[in-house]
């Protein structure tokens, strides 16, 4: 079977213009998405989203199939992404969503789908 010759020859990297993307936006959004890209962390955020009160780390340890150090590791990811805040009460640490996280997550997701590109 003979290969059909393409009518248009293109040089690699010149077939279309890529839209300009703000690198700071990309870095911040990637950091946020990495924090949420794990099923355990996504479960934790969803739990906190639905919770009326802050959730104790001991509750996560009880409800998730993992030991306390692993739970703390995931919560650290969420703290570093500024998705959650914590408060120590005696021996226990209680977690809640960070202020404004609802709007921040909505903006991040909406911005991914509202990037405008030039029509080809």
N, C-alpha and C. Protein backbone atom coordinates (compact mmCIF):
# COMPACT_ATOMS: atom_id res chain seq x y z
N UNK A 1 0.84 -1.17 0.00
CA UNK A 1 0.00 0.00 0.00
C UNK A 1 0.89 1.24 0.00
N UNK A 2 0.68 2.12 -0.93
CA UNK A 2 1.47 3.34 -1.05
C UNK A 2 0.96 4.41 -0.09
N UNK A 3 1.89 5.17 0.46
CA UNK A 3 1.50 6.27 1.33
C UNK A 3 1.08 7.45 0.49
N UNK A 4 0.02 8.10 0.94
CA UNK A 4 -0.47 9.27 0.23
C UNK A 4 0.34 10.49 0.66
N UNK A 5 0.75 11.28 -0.31
CA UNK A 5 1.51 12.49 -0.05
C UNK A 5 0.57 13.56 0.48
N UNK A 6 0.97 14.21 1.59
CA UNK A 6 0.16 15.31 2.12
C UNK A 6 0.31 16.53 1.23
N UNK A 7 -0.78 17.25 1.03
CA UNK A 7 -0.77 18.41 0.16
C UNK A 7 0.00 19.58 0.77
N UNK A 8 -0.01 19.69 2.09
CA UNK A 8 0.65 20.82 2.75
C UNK A 8 1.81 20.30 3.58
N UNK A 9 2.97 20.88 3.37
CA UNK A 9 4.13 20.53 4.18
C UNK A 9 4.30 21.62 5.23
N UNK A 10 4.45 21.21 6.46
CA UNK A 10 4.58 22.17 7.55
C UNK A 10 5.91 21.95 8.25
N UNK A 11 6.47 23.05 8.67
CA UNK A 11 7.67 22.99 9.47
C UNK A 11 7.27 22.90 10.93
N UNK A 12 7.94 22.04 11.64
CA UNK A 12 7.60 21.82 13.04
C UNK A 12 7.62 23.14 13.82
N UNK A 13 6.53 23.38 14.58
CA UNK A 13 6.44 24.56 15.42
C UNK A 13 5.94 25.80 14.72
N UNK A 14 5.55 25.69 13.45
CA UNK A 14 5.09 26.87 12.72
C UNK A 14 3.68 26.71 12.18
N UNK A 15 3.00 25.65 12.56
CA UNK A 15 1.66 25.43 11.99
C UNK A 15 0.59 26.32 12.62
N UNK A 16 0.80 26.71 13.84
CA UNK A 16 -0.20 27.56 14.48
C UNK A 16 0.47 28.38 15.58
N UNK A 17 -0.15 29.48 15.92
CA UNK A 17 0.36 30.30 17.00
C UNK A 17 -0.27 29.85 18.30
N UNK A 18 0.55 29.68 19.32
CA UNK A 18 0.02 29.35 20.63
C UNK A 18 -0.34 30.63 21.35
N UNK A 19 -1.41 30.60 22.13
CA UNK A 19 -1.80 31.82 22.85
C UNK A 19 -0.78 32.15 23.94
N UNK A 20 -0.63 33.41 24.22
CA UNK A 20 0.26 33.84 25.30
C UNK A 20 -0.42 33.50 26.63
N UNK A 21 0.30 32.83 27.50
CA UNK A 21 -0.23 32.44 28.80
C UNK A 21 0.69 33.04 29.87
N UNK A 22 0.08 33.67 30.85
CA UNK A 22 0.83 34.25 31.95
C UNK A 22 1.49 33.14 32.75
N UNK A 23 2.81 33.15 32.84
CA UNK A 23 3.53 32.06 33.51
C UNK A 23 3.24 32.03 35.01
N UNK A 24 3.03 33.17 35.63
CA UNK A 24 2.69 33.19 37.06
C UNK A 24 1.33 32.53 37.29
N UNK A 25 0.37 32.84 36.43
CA UNK A 25 -0.95 32.20 36.52
C UNK A 25 -0.80 30.69 36.37
N UNK A 26 -0.01 30.26 35.39
CA UNK A 26 0.17 28.83 35.14
C UNK A 26 0.80 28.14 36.35
N UNK A 27 1.80 28.78 36.96
CA UNK A 27 2.47 28.20 38.12
C UNK A 27 1.51 28.07 39.30
N UNK A 28 0.76 29.12 39.58
CA UNK A 28 -0.19 29.11 40.70
C UNK A 28 -1.30 28.09 40.47
N UNK A 29 -1.82 28.04 39.26
CA UNK A 29 -2.90 27.11 38.95
C UNK A 29 -2.40 25.67 39.01
N UNK A 30 -1.18 25.42 38.53
CA UNK A 30 -0.61 24.08 38.58
C UNK A 30 -0.41 23.64 40.04
N UNK A 31 0.05 24.54 40.88
CA UNK A 31 0.23 24.22 42.30
C UNK A 31 -1.10 23.84 42.94
N UNK A 32 -2.13 24.59 42.63
CA UNK A 32 -3.46 24.30 43.15
C UNK A 32 -3.96 22.95 42.64
N UNK A 33 -3.79 22.71 41.35
CA UNK A 33 -4.26 21.46 40.76
C UNK A 33 -3.47 20.25 41.29
N UNK A 34 -2.17 20.42 41.53
CA UNK A 34 -1.37 19.33 42.09
C UNK A 34 -1.87 18.96 43.48
N UNK A 35 -2.23 19.97 44.26
CA UNK A 35 -2.74 19.69 45.61
C UNK A 35 -4.05 18.93 45.57
N UNK A 36 -4.84 19.17 44.55
CA UNK A 36 -6.15 18.50 44.43
C UNK A 36 -6.09 17.22 43.61
N UNK A 37 -4.96 16.92 43.03
CA UNK A 37 -4.84 15.78 42.10
C UNK A 37 -4.75 14.43 42.78
N UNK A 38 -4.83 14.39 44.07
CA UNK A 38 -4.76 13.13 44.80
C UNK A 38 -6.15 12.81 45.36
N UNK A 39 -6.63 11.58 45.22
CA UNK A 39 -7.97 11.24 45.72
C UNK A 39 -8.15 11.49 47.21
N UNK A 40 -7.13 11.26 48.01
CA UNK A 40 -7.24 11.51 49.45
C UNK A 40 -7.41 12.99 49.73
N UNK A 41 -6.59 13.82 49.10
CA UNK A 41 -6.68 15.26 49.33
C UNK A 41 -7.99 15.82 48.79
N UNK A 42 -8.44 15.30 47.67
CA UNK A 42 -9.72 15.74 47.12
C UNK A 42 -10.86 15.36 48.07
N UNK A 43 -10.78 14.18 48.67
CA UNK A 43 -11.77 13.74 49.65
C UNK A 43 -11.74 14.66 50.87
N UNK A 44 -10.55 15.02 51.32
CA UNK A 44 -10.43 15.92 52.47
C UNK A 44 -11.05 17.28 52.19
N UNK A 45 -10.77 17.84 51.02
CA UNK A 45 -11.33 19.14 50.66
C UNK A 45 -12.85 19.05 50.57
N UNK A 46 -13.36 17.99 49.94
CA UNK A 46 -14.81 17.82 49.84
C UNK A 46 -15.45 17.68 51.21
N UNK A 47 -14.78 16.97 52.11
CA UNK A 47 -15.29 16.81 53.48
C UNK A 47 -15.35 18.17 54.18
N UNK A 48 -14.28 18.93 54.06
CA UNK A 48 -14.25 20.24 54.70
C UNK A 48 -15.27 21.19 54.07
N UNK A 49 -15.48 21.04 52.78
CA UNK A 49 -16.45 21.88 52.07
C UNK A 49 -17.85 21.65 52.64
N UNK A 50 -18.16 20.40 52.96
CA UNK A 50 -19.49 20.04 53.46
C UNK A 50 -19.63 20.21 54.98
N UNK A 51 -18.51 20.24 55.70
CA UNK A 51 -18.55 20.27 57.16
C UNK A 51 -19.02 21.63 57.67
N UNK A 52 -19.89 21.59 58.68
CA UNK A 52 -20.37 22.83 59.30
C UNK A 52 -19.34 23.39 60.28
N UNK A 53 -18.49 22.54 60.83
CA UNK A 53 -17.49 22.92 61.82
C UNK A 53 -16.11 22.44 61.35
N UNK A 54 -15.05 22.99 61.92
CA UNK A 54 -13.72 22.45 61.62
C UNK A 54 -13.63 20.96 61.93
N UNK A 55 -12.83 20.24 61.16
CA UNK A 55 -12.70 18.80 61.30
C UNK A 55 -11.36 18.47 61.96
N UNK A 56 -11.42 17.63 62.98
CA UNK A 56 -10.22 17.22 63.70
C UNK A 56 -9.41 16.23 62.85
N UNK A 57 -8.11 16.34 62.95
CA UNK A 57 -7.25 15.40 62.24
C UNK A 57 -7.57 13.97 62.64
N UNK A 58 -8.00 13.77 63.89
CA UNK A 58 -8.35 12.42 64.35
C UNK A 58 -9.55 11.87 63.58
N UNK A 59 -10.46 12.75 63.13
CA UNK A 59 -11.60 12.29 62.34
C UNK A 59 -11.15 11.80 60.97
N UNK A 60 -10.20 12.53 60.36
CA UNK A 60 -9.66 12.06 59.08
C UNK A 60 -8.96 10.72 59.26
N UNK A 61 -8.20 10.59 60.34
CA UNK A 61 -7.49 9.33 60.61
C UNK A 61 -8.46 8.18 60.78
N UNK A 62 -9.57 8.45 61.42
CA UNK A 62 -10.58 7.41 61.66
C UNK A 62 -11.31 7.01 60.37
N UNK A 63 -11.60 7.99 59.52
CA UNK A 63 -12.43 7.75 58.34
C UNK A 63 -11.66 7.35 57.08
N UNK A 64 -10.38 7.66 57.03
CA UNK A 64 -9.58 7.34 55.86
C UNK A 64 -8.72 6.10 56.15
N UNK A 65 -8.50 5.27 55.16
CA UNK A 65 -7.74 4.03 55.38
C UNK A 65 -6.23 4.26 55.42
N UNK A 66 -5.79 5.13 56.35
CA UNK A 66 -4.36 5.41 56.45
C UNK A 66 -4.02 5.86 57.86
N UNK A 67 -2.74 5.79 58.16
CA UNK A 67 -2.25 6.17 59.49
C UNK A 67 -2.10 7.69 59.60
N UNK A 68 -1.98 8.16 60.82
CA UNK A 68 -1.90 9.59 61.10
C UNK A 68 -0.77 10.30 60.35
N UNK A 69 0.45 9.75 60.26
CA UNK A 69 1.50 10.45 59.52
C UNK A 69 1.14 10.69 58.05
N UNK A 70 0.45 9.74 57.44
CA UNK A 70 0.05 9.90 56.04
C UNK A 70 -1.05 10.95 55.91
N UNK A 71 -1.99 10.94 56.84
CA UNK A 71 -3.04 11.96 56.86
C UNK A 71 -2.40 13.34 57.00
N UNK A 72 -1.45 13.47 57.92
CA UNK A 72 -0.76 14.76 58.13
C UNK A 72 0.00 15.19 56.88
N UNK A 73 0.59 14.24 56.18
CA UNK A 73 1.30 14.54 54.93
C UNK A 73 0.34 15.18 53.93
N UNK A 74 -0.84 14.60 53.76
CA UNK A 74 -1.82 15.14 52.81
C UNK A 74 -2.33 16.51 53.26
N UNK A 75 -2.54 16.67 54.55
CA UNK A 75 -2.99 17.96 55.06
C UNK A 75 -1.92 19.03 54.87
N UNK A 76 -0.65 18.65 54.95
CA UNK A 76 0.43 19.60 54.69
C UNK A 76 0.38 20.10 53.25
N UNK A 77 0.13 19.20 52.31
CA UNK A 77 -0.03 19.59 50.90
C UNK A 77 -1.12 20.65 50.77
N UNK A 78 -2.25 20.40 51.45
CA UNK A 78 -3.38 21.33 51.36
C UNK A 78 -3.06 22.67 52.03
N UNK A 79 -2.32 22.64 53.13
CA UNK A 79 -1.91 23.89 53.80
C UNK A 79 -0.98 24.68 52.90
N UNK A 80 0.00 24.00 52.30
CA UNK A 80 0.97 24.69 51.44
C UNK A 80 0.32 25.29 50.20
N UNK A 81 -0.76 24.68 49.74
CA UNK A 81 -1.51 25.23 48.60
C UNK A 81 -2.50 26.29 49.06
N UNK A 82 -2.51 26.58 50.36
CA UNK A 82 -3.38 27.57 50.97
C UNK A 82 -4.86 27.26 50.75
N UNK A 83 -5.16 25.97 50.78
CA UNK A 83 -6.55 25.53 50.65
C UNK A 83 -7.20 25.34 52.01
N UNK A 84 -6.40 25.04 53.03
CA UNK A 84 -6.95 24.82 54.36
C UNK A 84 -6.18 25.64 55.39
N UNK A 85 -6.83 25.85 56.50
CA UNK A 85 -6.22 26.48 57.67
C UNK A 85 -6.38 25.51 58.83
N UNK A 86 -5.47 25.59 59.78
CA UNK A 86 -5.56 24.71 60.94
C UNK A 86 -5.48 25.51 62.23
N UNK A 87 -6.00 24.89 63.28
CA UNK A 87 -6.02 25.50 64.61
C UNK A 87 -5.80 24.39 65.63
N UNK A 88 -4.82 24.59 66.50
CA UNK A 88 -4.54 23.61 67.55
C UNK A 88 -5.46 23.87 68.73
N UNK A 89 -6.08 22.80 69.21
CA UNK A 89 -6.90 22.85 70.42
C UNK A 89 -6.41 21.72 71.33
N UNK A 90 -5.54 22.08 72.25
CA UNK A 90 -4.94 21.07 73.12
C UNK A 90 -4.06 20.15 72.30
N UNK A 91 -4.38 18.85 72.35
CA UNK A 91 -3.61 17.84 71.65
C UNK A 91 -3.95 17.78 70.16
N UNK A 92 -5.16 18.15 69.81
CA UNK A 92 -5.66 17.95 68.46
C UNK A 92 -5.56 19.19 67.59
N UNK A 93 -5.48 18.95 66.29
CA UNK A 93 -5.46 20.04 65.31
C UNK A 93 -6.73 19.92 64.48
N UNK A 94 -7.42 21.05 64.32
CA UNK A 94 -8.67 21.09 63.58
C UNK A 94 -8.44 21.86 62.27
N UNK A 95 -9.07 21.37 61.21
CA UNK A 95 -8.89 21.94 59.88
C UNK A 95 -10.21 22.48 59.35
N UNK A 96 -10.07 23.56 58.57
CA UNK A 96 -11.21 24.13 57.86
C UNK A 96 -10.69 24.68 56.54
N UNK A 97 -11.59 24.92 55.61
CA UNK A 97 -11.17 25.52 54.35
C UNK A 97 -10.69 26.93 54.60
N UNK A 98 -9.72 27.35 53.85
CA UNK A 98 -9.20 28.71 53.96
C UNK A 98 -10.25 29.69 53.48
N UNK A 99 -10.26 30.89 54.03
CA UNK A 99 -11.21 31.90 53.56
C UNK A 99 -11.04 32.15 52.05
N UNK A 100 -12.13 32.24 51.36
CA UNK A 100 -12.11 32.53 49.92
C UNK A 100 -11.77 31.36 49.03
N UNK A 101 -11.63 30.15 49.60
CA UNK A 101 -11.21 29.01 48.78
C UNK A 101 -12.29 28.63 47.76
N UNK A 102 -13.56 28.81 48.11
CA UNK A 102 -14.63 28.48 47.16
C UNK A 102 -14.45 29.30 45.87
N UNK A 103 -14.32 30.59 46.03
CA UNK A 103 -14.16 31.47 44.87
C UNK A 103 -12.85 31.19 44.14
N UNK A 104 -11.79 30.91 44.88
CA UNK A 104 -10.49 30.62 44.27
C UNK A 104 -10.54 29.39 43.38
N UNK A 105 -11.18 28.33 43.86
CA UNK A 105 -11.30 27.10 43.06
C UNK A 105 -12.17 27.33 41.83
N UNK A 106 -13.26 28.05 42.02
CA UNK A 106 -14.13 28.34 40.86
C UNK A 106 -13.38 29.16 39.81
N UNK A 107 -12.64 30.18 40.25
CA UNK A 107 -11.88 31.01 39.31
C UNK A 107 -10.85 30.17 38.56
N UNK A 108 -10.16 29.28 39.28
CA UNK A 108 -9.13 28.45 38.64
C UNK A 108 -9.73 27.57 37.56
N UNK A 109 -10.83 26.91 37.88
CA UNK A 109 -11.45 26.02 36.90
C UNK A 109 -12.03 26.83 35.75
N UNK A 110 -12.72 27.92 36.05
CA UNK A 110 -13.29 28.75 34.99
C UNK A 110 -12.21 29.32 34.08
N UNK A 111 -11.08 29.71 34.65
CA UNK A 111 -10.02 30.31 33.84
C UNK A 111 -9.44 29.31 32.85
N UNK A 112 -9.43 28.04 33.20
CA UNK A 112 -8.92 27.03 32.27
C UNK A 112 -9.78 26.94 31.01
N UNK A 113 -11.07 27.17 31.17
CA UNK A 113 -11.98 27.02 30.04
C UNK A 113 -12.33 28.34 29.37
N UNK A 114 -11.77 29.43 29.87
CA UNK A 114 -12.07 30.71 29.25
C UNK A 114 -10.85 31.32 28.56
N UNK A 115 -9.77 30.55 28.46
CA UNK A 115 -8.59 31.06 27.73
C UNK A 115 -8.97 31.21 26.28
N UNK A 116 -8.72 32.37 25.72
CA UNK A 116 -9.08 32.62 24.33
C UNK A 116 -7.90 32.35 23.42
N UNK A 117 -8.17 31.72 22.32
CA UNK A 117 -7.13 31.46 21.33
C UNK A 117 -7.56 32.05 20.00
N UNK A 118 -6.60 32.33 19.14
CA UNK A 118 -6.91 32.83 17.80
C UNK A 118 -7.51 31.70 16.98
N UNK A 119 -8.47 32.04 16.19
CA UNK A 119 -9.06 31.04 15.28
C UNK A 119 -8.04 30.70 14.20
N UNK A 120 -7.98 29.43 13.89
CA UNK A 120 -7.00 28.99 12.88
C UNK A 120 -7.51 29.27 11.50
